[in-house]
C-alpha atoms as a PDB file:
ATOM      1  CA  MET A   1       7.580  20.005 -42.385  1.00  0.00           C
ATOM      2  CA  ILE A   2       9.202  16.612 -41.834  1.00  0.00           C
ATOM      3  CA  ASP A   3       8.298  13.887 -44.263  1.00  0.00           C
ATOM      4  CA  LEU A   4       7.085  10.930 -42.160  1.00  0.00           C
ATOM      5  CA  GLY A   5       6.461   8.728 -45.137  1.00  0.00           C
ATOM      6  CA  PRO A   6       3.511   6.347 -45.545  1.00  0.00           C
ATOM      7  CA  HIS A   7       3.197   5.861 -41.793  1.00  0.00           C
ATOM      8  CA  ALA A   8       2.551   9.525 -40.919  1.00  0.00           C
ATOM      9  CA  VAL A   9      -0.989   8.919 -39.650  1.00  0.00           C
ATOM     10  CA  PHE A  10       0.139   6.198 -37.349  1.00  0.00           C
ATOM     11  CA  ILE A  11       3.123   8.275 -36.008  1.00  0.00           C
ATOM     12  CA  VAL A  12       1.023  11.376 -35.356  1.00  0.00           C
ATOM     13  CA  SER A  13      -1.783   9.439 -33.742  1.00  0.00           C
ATOM     14  CA  ALA A  14       0.648   7.564 -31.521  1.00  0.00           C
ATOM     15  CA  TYR A  15       2.206  10.797 -30.346  1.00  0.00           C
ATOM     16  CA  ALA A  16      -1.285  12.294 -29.813  1.00  0.00           C
ATOM     17  CA  GLY A  17      -2.390   9.268 -27.841  1.00  0.00           C
ATOM     18  CA  VAL A  18       0.682   9.351 -25.583  1.00  0.00           C
ATOM     19  CA  THR A  19       0.220  13.080 -25.026  1.00  0.00           C
ATOM     20  CA  LEU A  20      -3.340  12.647 -24.024  1.00  0.00           C
ATOM     21  CA  ALA A  21      -2.482   9.748 -21.725  1.00  0.00           C
ATOM     22  CA  ILE A  22       0.214  11.716 -19.925  1.00  0.00           C
ATOM     23  CA  ALA A  23      -2.009  14.778 -19.649  1.00  0.00           C
ATOM     24  CA  GLY A  24      -4.748  12.560 -18.166  1.00  0.00           C
ATOM     25  CA  LEU A  25      -2.339  11.084 -15.571  1.00  0.00           C
ATOM     26  CA  ILE A  26      -1.122  14.560 -14.556  1.00  0.00           C
ATOM     27  CA  GLY A  27      -4.742  15.827 -14.279  1.00  0.00           C
ATOM     28  CA  TRP A  28      -5.691  12.760 -12.220  1.00  0.00           C
ATOM     29  CA  THR A  29      -2.708  13.187  -9.954  1.00  0.00           C
ATOM     30  CA  LEU A  30      -3.482  16.847  -9.291  1.00  0.00           C
ATOM     31  CA  PHE A  31      -7.127  16.038  -8.599  1.00  0.00           C
ATOM     32  CA  ASP A  32      -6.238  13.253  -6.188  1.00  0.00           C
ATOM     33  CA  ALA A  33      -3.620  15.420  -4.378  1.00  0.00           C
ATOM     34  CA  ARG A  34      -6.251  18.172  -3.816  1.00  0.00           C
ATOM     35  CA  ARG A  35      -8.776  15.607  -2.623  1.00  0.00           C
ATOM     36  CA  THR A  36      -6.325  14.041  -0.243  1.00  0.00           C
ATOM     37  CA  ALA A  37      -5.235  17.407   1.167  1.00  0.00           C
ATOM     38  CA  LYS A  38      -8.920  18.350   1.758  1.00  0.00           C
ATOM     39  CA  LYS A  39      -9.569  15.071   3.593  1.00  0.00           C
ATOM     40  CA  LEU A  40      -6.515  15.602   5.802  1.00  0.00           C
ATOM     41  CA  ALA A  41      -7.547  19.187   6.557  1.00  0.00           C
ATOM     42  CA  ASP A  42     -11.045  17.971   7.485  1.00  0.00           C
ATOM     43  CA  LEU A  43      -9.656  15.262   9.771  1.00  0.00           C
ATOM     44  CA  GLU A  44      -7.289  17.692  11.484  1.00  0.00           C
ATOM     45  CA  ALA A  45     -10.174  20.184  11.925  1.00  0.00           C
ATOM     46  CA  ARG A  46     -12.104  17.484  13.761  1.00  0.00           C
ATOM     47  CA  GLY A  47      -9.133  16.883  16.072  1.00  0.00           C
ATOM     48  CA  ILE A  48      -7.782  13.694  14.504  1.00  0.00           C
ATOM     49  CA  ARG A  49      -4.005  13.843  14.220  1.00  0.00           C
ATOM     50  CA  ARG A  50      -1.479  11.741  12.454  1.00  0.00           C
ATOM     51  CA  ARG A  51       0.587   9.421  14.604  1.00  0.00           C
ATOM     52  CA  SER A  52       3.762  10.956  13.026  1.00  0.00           C
ATOM     53  CA  ALA A  53       2.785  14.383  14.345  1.00  0.00           C
ATOM     54  CA  GLY A  54       3.715  13.405  17.847  1.00  0.00           C
ATOM     55  CA  PRO A  55       1.909  14.222  21.069  1.00  0.00           C
ATOM     56  CA  ALA A  56      -0.526  17.139  20.984  1.00  0.00           C
END
């Protein structure tokens, strides 16, 4: 194992914190993308279209 010296606890906890933060951001992004896709599908099922879709 690598000798991190007297600051090993700080180094390991910093890496763990960054890893958790990035995992949280990825999870939140995936959750939000699914929620947005579901809202769009619901609106399209009700007949509401996006302006960029052009004429029906």
